[in-house]
Amino acid sequence: MKGQQSLRLLRQLRNGTQQSFARRLAHGQSAAGSLRDHEDIIIQMPWGHIAGKWYGRKDVRPILGIHGWMDNAGTFDTLAPLLPAHLPLLTIDAPGHGLSSWLPKGTAYHSIELVQLMRRIIKYFNWEKLSLLGHSMSSLNGFVFGSMFPDKLDMFIGLDVMKPLIRSEKTFIDKLAERLENNLKLEERMLEGSEPPSYEWDKLVERMHLGTSKSISLESCQYILKRSCKPSKQDPNRFYFSHDNRVKASFVYTLSNETVLEMAARINVPYLFIKALQAPYYEDMKYYNATLDVLRKNPQFEYYEVEGSHHVHLNEPEKVAPLINAFINKYRPDV
């Protein structure tokens, strides 16, 4: 009964967003839908639910697609139609993102929760193994998952962010203090229950585009916004971002370079990593290259670079799809 209620809630949330898109269409604006048929699903969790989109057949274990920080399952909308038809794809909204439940009041977000979420989803579906497609923070956490549970992973595709980033001691302490303070401020705003700032549609799109340093193209913003905005109650012609703002102050790993190198050495599964050349590396290149050297000792590791932004898989999926498809067909072929 609880699962049915959650699914009804998901449909109501989705329909509310679709109605707002319909209003924009009436004013001559475009709205993008998923380019491949899917079924909305709900995955029950102890704190609420995870919302997802299941593409393809149900009798085969899918690839699990998880998005990057502040994005949602829409990040794979343009890539999904280009992937092999024989293998289903399940894309999800992480906690606090998209249409998934927020974490309870009084808690904070941490990167390790995505690793635990992967284990929870394996348990929920009673899978023996996980095939993972991760972008950005989920690529990073796929790296962590693969080092901890290589026996639970049969294939891993990472997009653009390879691993936990290395920070100096001073930077770590300063950032930790900043995030603690920001988390408390964001929690106070949440408890007030006031509506977040709202914007006219074009301004909302522009804010997302600029907020990602133009990594998400203006055209591609709509795929993310389908699951992460709502019409204002004060003015239905204005929209606000509907994710949990506490995600902005998420806590991240504080690992030594030696720990990350040991993690890389433990990943012994088929692993494809694609780096976008117009995206930053987010750390000193010496740490990135050192990890890459260790990963290349794995005979099943493949590394490619493509022209494009951090969201090249969304803006220009045709650049990464051939690499991903060759990898999938090699390690999970149609039988």
Protein backbone atom coordinates (compact mmCIF):
# COMPACT_ATOMS: atom_id res chain seq x y z
CA MET A 1 0.00 0.00 0.00
CA LYS A 2 2.83 2.41 0.91
CA GLY A 3 4.53 1.75 -2.43
CA GLN A 4 1.31 2.49 -4.31
CA GLN A 5 0.88 5.77 -2.41
CA SER A 6 4.45 6.78 -3.24
CA LEU A 7 3.96 5.98 -6.91
CA ARG A 8 0.80 8.11 -6.96
CA LEU A 9 2.78 10.92 -5.36
CA LEU A 10 5.49 10.59 -8.00
CA ARG A 11 2.88 10.79 -10.78
CA GLN A 12 1.35 13.87 -9.17
CA LEU A 13 4.76 15.55 -8.98
CA ARG A 14 5.57 14.60 -12.56
CA ASN A 15 2.16 15.70 -13.82
CA GLY A 16 2.48 19.04 -12.05
CA THR A 17 5.74 19.66 -13.83
CA GLN A 18 4.30 18.50 -17.14
CA GLN A 19 1.38 20.92 -16.72
CA SER A 20 3.82 23.77 -16.18
CA PHE A 21 5.62 22.76 -19.36
CA ALA A 22 2.29 22.71 -21.19
CA ARG A 23 1.70 26.30 -20.10
CA ARG A 24 5.04 27.25 -21.62
CA LEU A 25 4.09 25.51 -24.86
CA ALA A 26 0.99 27.67 -25.01
CA HIS A 27 3.34 30.67 -25.09
CA GLY A 28 5.39 29.21 -27.93
CA GLN A 29 8.16 27.77 -25.76
CA SER A 30 9.71 24.34 -26.28
CA ALA A 31 9.48 21.39 -23.92
CA ALA A 32 11.54 18.25 -24.23
CA GLY A 33 10.34 14.82 -23.26
CA SER A 34 12.39 11.71 -22.76
CA LEU A 35 13.54 10.47 -26.13
CA ARG A 36 13.00 6.80 -25.25
CA ASP A 37 9.96 5.21 -23.64
CA HIS A 38 10.30 4.51 -19.96
CA GLU A 39 8.26 3.59 -16.90
CA ASP A 40 8.34 5.69 -13.74
CA ILE A 41 9.20 3.59 -10.71
CA ILE A 42 9.47 4.02 -6.95
CA ILE A 43 12.12 2.30 -4.83
CA GLN A 44 11.22 2.29 -1.14
CA MET A 45 13.87 3.47 1.31
CA PRO A 46 13.84 3.76 5.12
CA TRP A 47 13.44 7.57 4.93
CA GLY A 48 11.04 7.65 1.95
CA HIS A 49 11.60 6.72 -1.68
CA ILE A 50 13.95 6.92 -4.64
CA ALA A 51 12.30 7.94 -7.92
CA GLY A 52 13.51 6.35 -11.13
CA LYS A 53 12.94 5.80 -14.83
CA TRP A 54 13.14 2.25 -16.18
CA TYR A 55 13.92 1.98 -19.89
CA GLY A 56 13.42 -1.32 -21.70
CA ARG A 57 12.63 -4.87 -20.75
CA LYS A 58 11.98 -5.98 -17.18
CA ASP A 59 13.30 -9.53 -17.33
CA VAL A 60 16.96 -8.49 -17.47
CA ARG A 61 19.03 -6.75 -14.81
CA PRO A 62 19.53 -3.16 -16.00
CA ILE A 63 22.44 -0.79 -15.97
CA LEU A 64 21.95 1.58 -13.05
CA GLY A 65 22.50 5.20 -14.07
CA ILE A 66 23.14 7.79 -11.35
CA HIS A 67 23.63 11.48 -12.02
CA GLY A 68 25.97 14.17 -10.75
CA TRP A 69 25.65 16.75 -7.97
CA MET A 70 22.52 18.94 -8.27
CA ASP A 71 21.34 17.04 -11.39
CA ASN A 72 18.82 14.18 -11.62
CA ALA A 73 17.80 11.23 -13.78
CA GLY A 74 17.12 13.62 -16.66
CA THR A 75 20.88 13.81 -17.23
CA PHE A 76 20.62 10.56 -19.20
CA ASP A 77 17.51 11.43 -21.25
CA THR A 78 19.42 12.13 -24.46
CA LEU A 79 21.90 9.27 -24.01
CA ALA A 80 19.31 6.58 -23.21
CA PRO A 81 17.99 6.23 -26.80
CA LEU A 82 21.53 5.64 -28.09
CA LEU A 83 22.39 2.75 -25.77
CA PRO A 84 22.04 -0.94 -26.75
CA ALA A 85 18.39 -1.98 -26.85
CA HIS A 86 19.05 -5.45 -25.43
CA LEU A 87 20.03 -4.08 -22.04
CA PRO A 88 17.57 -2.05 -19.93
CA LEU A 89 18.58 1.14 -18.17
CA LEU A 90 17.39 2.32 -14.76
CA THR A 91 18.16 5.96 -14.03
CA ILE A 92 17.41 7.35 -10.59
CA ASP A 93 17.24 10.61 -8.67
CA ALA A 94 19.60 10.58 -5.70
CA PRO A 95 18.20 11.55 -2.28
CA GLY A 96 17.29 15.23 -2.21
CA HIS A 97 17.42 15.49 -6.00
CA GLY A 98 14.70 15.34 -8.65
CA LEU A 99 11.56 13.55 -7.46
CA SER A 100 13.23 11.48 -4.73
CA SER A 101 12.55 12.01 -1.04
CA TRP A 102 14.69 14.41 0.94
CA LEU A 103 16.69 13.11 3.88
CA PRO A 104 15.01 13.70 7.27
CA LYS A 105 15.19 17.04 9.01
CA GLY A 106 18.24 17.47 11.19
CA THR A 107 20.48 15.37 8.93
CA ALA A 108 23.10 16.33 6.36
CA TYR A 109 24.17 14.90 3.00
CA HIS A 110 27.49 13.11 2.53
CA SER A 111 29.03 11.52 -0.53
CA ILE A 112 29.27 8.09 1.12
CA GLU A 113 25.45 7.89 1.13
CA LEU A 114 25.54 7.21 -2.61
CA VAL A 115 27.74 4.17 -2.03
CA GLN A 116 25.28 2.95 0.57
CA LEU A 117 22.43 3.71 -1.84
CA MET A 118 24.02 1.42 -4.43
CA ARG A 119 24.09 -1.37 -1.85
CA ARG A 120 20.46 -0.67 -0.90
CA ILE A 121 19.33 -0.88 -4.52
CA ILE A 122 21.15 -4.18 -5.01
CA LYS A 123 19.34 -5.50 -1.95
CA TYR A 124 15.97 -4.05 -3.01
CA PHE A 125 16.01 -5.83 -6.37
CA ASN A 126 17.85 -8.89 -5.06
CA TRP A 127 20.60 -8.51 -7.64
CA GLU A 128 23.84 -10.44 -7.33
CA LYS A 129 25.82 -7.81 -9.23
CA LEU A 130 25.59 -4.16 -10.22
CA SER A 131 26.26 -2.66 -13.66
CA LEU A 132 26.86 1.03 -13.06
CA LEU A 133 26.83 4.18 -15.18
CA GLY A 134 27.82 7.21 -13.12
CA HIS A 135 28.36 10.87 -13.94
CA SER A 136 30.42 13.28 -11.84
CA MET A 137 29.76 12.63 -8.12
CA SER A 138 28.27 9.23 -9.01
CA SER A 139 31.31 8.37 -11.12
CA LEU A 140 33.45 9.30 -8.14
CA ASN A 141 31.28 7.18 -5.85
CA GLY A 142 31.30 4.31 -8.33
CA PHE A 143 35.08 4.38 -7.94
CA VAL A 144 34.66 4.13 -4.16
CA PHE A 145 32.04 1.38 -4.50
CA GLY A 146 34.26 -0.61 -6.88
CA SER A 147 37.15 -0.45 -4.42
CA MET A 148 35.01 -1.60 -1.50
CA PHE A 149 32.76 -4.15 -3.21
CA PRO A 150 34.45 -5.37 -6.42
CA ASP A 151 32.60 -8.68 -6.03
CA LYS A 152 29.29 -6.78 -6.34
CA LEU A 153 30.23 -4.93 -9.53
CA ASP A 154 30.39 -6.54 -12.97
CA MET A 155 30.78 -3.40 -15.10
CA PHE A 156 31.44 0.27 -14.37
CA ILE A 157 31.20 3.28 -16.70
CA GLY A 158 32.40 6.57 -15.21
CA LEU A 159 31.91 9.98 -16.79
CA ASP A 160 34.29 12.91 -16.20
CA VAL A 161 35.08 12.81 -12.44
CA MET A 162 37.28 9.83 -11.72
CA LYS A 163 37.84 9.69 -7.97
CA PRO A 164 37.70 11.45 -4.60
CA LEU A 165 39.60 14.71 -4.90
CA ILE A 166 42.78 15.42 -2.95
CA ARG A 167 42.80 18.62 -0.91
CA SER A 168 45.43 20.25 1.27
CA GLU A 169 44.95 20.12 5.03
CA LYS A 170 44.24 23.86 5.16
CA THR A 171 41.69 23.70 2.35
CA PHE A 172 39.96 20.73 3.95
CA ILE A 173 39.60 22.40 7.37
CA ASP A 174 38.36 25.68 5.89
CA LYS A 175 35.87 23.94 3.57
CA LEU A 176 34.58 21.71 6.35
CA ALA A 177 33.88 24.70 8.59
CA GLU A 178 32.20 26.52 5.70
CA ARG A 179 29.95 23.57 4.88
CA LEU A 180 28.98 23.05 8.50
CA GLU A 181 27.86 26.68 8.77
CA ASN A 182 26.08 26.60 5.41
CA ASN A 183 24.28 23.41 6.31
CA LEU A 184 22.86 24.99 9.45
CA LYS A 185 21.73 28.08 7.54
CA LEU A 186 20.05 26.00 4.85
CA GLU A 187 18.37 23.87 7.51
CA GLU A 188 16.95 26.99 9.16
CA ARG A 189 15.48 28.15 5.86
CA MET A 190 13.97 24.70 5.30
CA LEU A 191 12.34 24.72 8.73
CA GLU A 192 10.82 28.15 8.00
CA GLY A 193 8.84 26.50 5.22
CA SER A 194 8.96 29.52 2.93
CA GLU A 195 8.94 29.08 -0.83
CA PRO A 196 12.36 29.45 -2.51
CA PRO A 197 12.97 32.35 -4.91
CA SER A 198 11.05 31.92 -8.18
CA TYR A 199 11.85 33.06 -11.70
CA GLU A 200 10.26 33.38 -15.10
CA TRP A 201 11.05 30.35 -17.21
CA ASP A 202 13.78 31.88 -19.37
CA LYS A 203 15.49 33.26 -16.28
CA LEU A 204 15.29 29.88 -14.54
CA VAL A 205 16.96 28.22 -17.52
CA GLU A 206 19.62 30.91 -17.60
CA ARG A 207 20.35 30.48 -13.89
CA MET A 208 20.84 26.74 -14.35
CA HIS A 209 23.03 27.27 -17.42
CA LEU A 210 25.23 29.83 -15.68
CA GLY A 211 25.15 27.93 -12.38
CA THR A 212 26.90 25.03 -14.10
CA SER A 213 29.47 27.40 -15.65
CA LYS A 214 27.62 26.85 -18.94
CA SER A 215 28.40 23.12 -18.76
CA ILE A 216 24.72 22.32 -19.39
CA SER A 217 23.67 23.98 -22.62
CA LEU A 218 20.60 26.21 -22.64
CA GLU A 219 18.81 23.58 -24.74
CA SER A 220 19.74 20.74 -22.38
CA CYS A 221 18.63 22.50 -19.18
CA GLN A 222 15.05 21.42 -19.83
CA TYR A 223 15.94 17.74 -19.30
CA ILE A 224 17.11 18.46 -15.75
CA LEU A 225 14.40 21.02 -14.99
CA LYS A 226 11.62 18.54 -15.79
CA ARG A 227 12.38 16.88 -12.46
CA SER A 228 13.80 19.74 -10.43
CA CYS A 229 11.45 22.71 -10.63
CA LYS A 230 7.91 23.55 -9.59
CA PRO A 231 5.53 26.41 -10.38
CA SER A 232 5.33 29.09 -7.71
CA LYS A 233 2.19 29.11 -5.58
CA GLN A 234 2.26 32.91 -5.69
CA ASP A 235 2.58 33.13 -9.48
CA PRO A 236 2.12 30.02 -11.68
CA ASN A 237 4.10 31.73 -14.46
CA ARG A 238 7.21 31.63 -12.29
CA PHE A 239 9.19 28.57 -11.19
CA TYR A 240 11.55 27.62 -8.39
CA PHE A 241 14.21 24.94 -8.01
CA SER A 242 12.66 22.11 -6.02
CA HIS A 243 15.70 20.10 -4.89
CA ASP A 244 16.69 19.96 -1.22
CA ASN A 245 18.91 23.01 -0.75
CA ARG A 246 20.90 21.16 1.90
CA VAL A 247 22.50 19.27 -0.99
CA LYS A 248 24.47 22.46 -1.71
CA ALA A 249 26.33 21.93 1.57
CA SER A 250 26.98 18.21 1.13
CA PHE A 251 30.02 16.80 2.90
CA VAL A 252 32.66 15.12 0.75
CA TYR A 253 35.50 12.67 1.27
CA THR A 254 38.69 13.71 3.03
CA LEU A 255 41.05 10.97 1.90
CA SER A 256 44.79 10.90 1.49
CA ASN A 257 46.36 10.30 -1.91
CA GLU A 258 47.69 6.98 -0.62
CA THR A 259 44.16 5.87 0.27
CA VAL A 260 42.84 6.79 -3.19
CA LEU A 261 45.70 4.91 -4.88
CA GLU A 262 44.92 1.84 -2.78
CA MET A 263 41.27 2.14 -3.83
CA ALA A 264 42.30 2.27 -7.49
CA ALA A 265 44.40 -0.87 -7.08
CA ARG A 266 41.40 -2.78 -5.71
CA ILE A 267 39.14 -2.10 -8.70
CA ASN A 268 39.56 -5.25 -10.77
CA VAL A 269 36.36 -5.20 -12.85
CA PRO A 270 35.62 -4.00 -16.41
CA TYR A 271 35.89 -0.21 -16.07
CA LEU A 272 35.38 2.45 -18.73
CA PHE A 273 36.23 6.06 -17.93
CA ILE A 274 35.50 8.97 -20.27
CA LYS A 275 37.03 12.38 -19.59
CA ALA A 276 35.53 15.57 -21.09
CA LEU A 277 38.39 17.77 -22.27
CA GLN A 278 36.66 21.11 -21.71
CA ALA A 279 35.83 20.22 -18.10
CA PRO A 280 38.20 20.95 -15.20
CA TYR A 281 40.05 18.26 -13.29
CA TYR A 282 39.14 19.85 -9.95
CA GLU A 283 42.52 18.96 -8.38
CA ASP A 284 46.25 18.97 -9.04
CA MET A 285 46.91 16.89 -12.15
CA LYS A 286 49.64 14.92 -10.39
CA TYR A 287 47.01 13.19 -8.25
CA TYR A 288 44.79 12.46 -11.24
CA ASN A 289 47.67 11.02 -13.28
CA ALA A 290 48.92 8.92 -10.38
CA THR A 291 45.51 7.29 -10.02
CA LEU A 292 45.24 6.80 -13.77
CA ASP A 293 48.59 4.99 -13.77
CA VAL A 294 47.31 2.55 -11.14
CA LEU A 295 44.00 1.97 -12.93
CA ARG A 296 45.81 1.15 -16.16
CA LYS A 297 47.30 -1.90 -14.46
CA ASN A 298 43.81 -3.39 -14.64
CA PRO A 299 43.65 -5.13 -18.07
CA GLN A 300 39.90 -4.45 -18.20
CA PHE A 301 40.27 -0.69 -17.74
CA GLU A 302 39.59 1.58 -20.73
CA TYR A 303 40.26 5.32 -20.84
CA TYR A 304 39.09 7.85 -23.44
CA GLU A 305 38.98 11.60 -23.80
CA VAL A 306 36.30 13.47 -25.78
CA GLU A 307 35.77 17.08 -26.73
CA GLY A 308 33.01 18.67 -24.68
CA SER A 309 31.91 20.08 -21.34
CA HIS A 310 31.35 18.32 -18.02
CA HIS A 311 27.86 17.44 -19.35
CA VAL A 312 28.96 16.28 -22.80
CA HIS A 313 26.93 13.07 -22.30
CA LEU A 314 23.78 15.23 -22.08
CA ASN A 315 24.60 17.98 -24.59
CA GLU A 316 26.28 15.78 -27.22
CA PRO A 317 25.54 12.15 -26.36
CA GLU A 318 26.67 10.99 -29.79
CA LYS A 319 30.26 11.68 -28.69
CA VAL A 320 30.21 9.16 -25.85
CA ALA A 321 27.57 6.63 -26.97
CA PRO A 322 29.85 4.66 -29.37
CA LEU A 323 32.46 4.21 -26.64
CA ILE A 324 29.86 3.14 -24.08
CA ASN A 325 28.10 0.79 -26.50
CA ALA A 326 31.31 -0.99 -27.50
CA PHE A 327 32.10 -1.48 -23.81
CA ILE A 328 28.60 -2.74 -22.97
CA ASN A 329 28.55 -5.12 -25.92
CA LYS A 330 31.94 -6.48 -24.86
CA TYR A 331 31.04 -7.21 -21.23
CA ARG A 332 27.22 -7.61 -21.33
CA PRO A 333 26.47 -8.66 -24.89
CA ASP A 334 23.08 -9.57 -26.29
CA VAL A 335 22.59 -13.32 -25.77
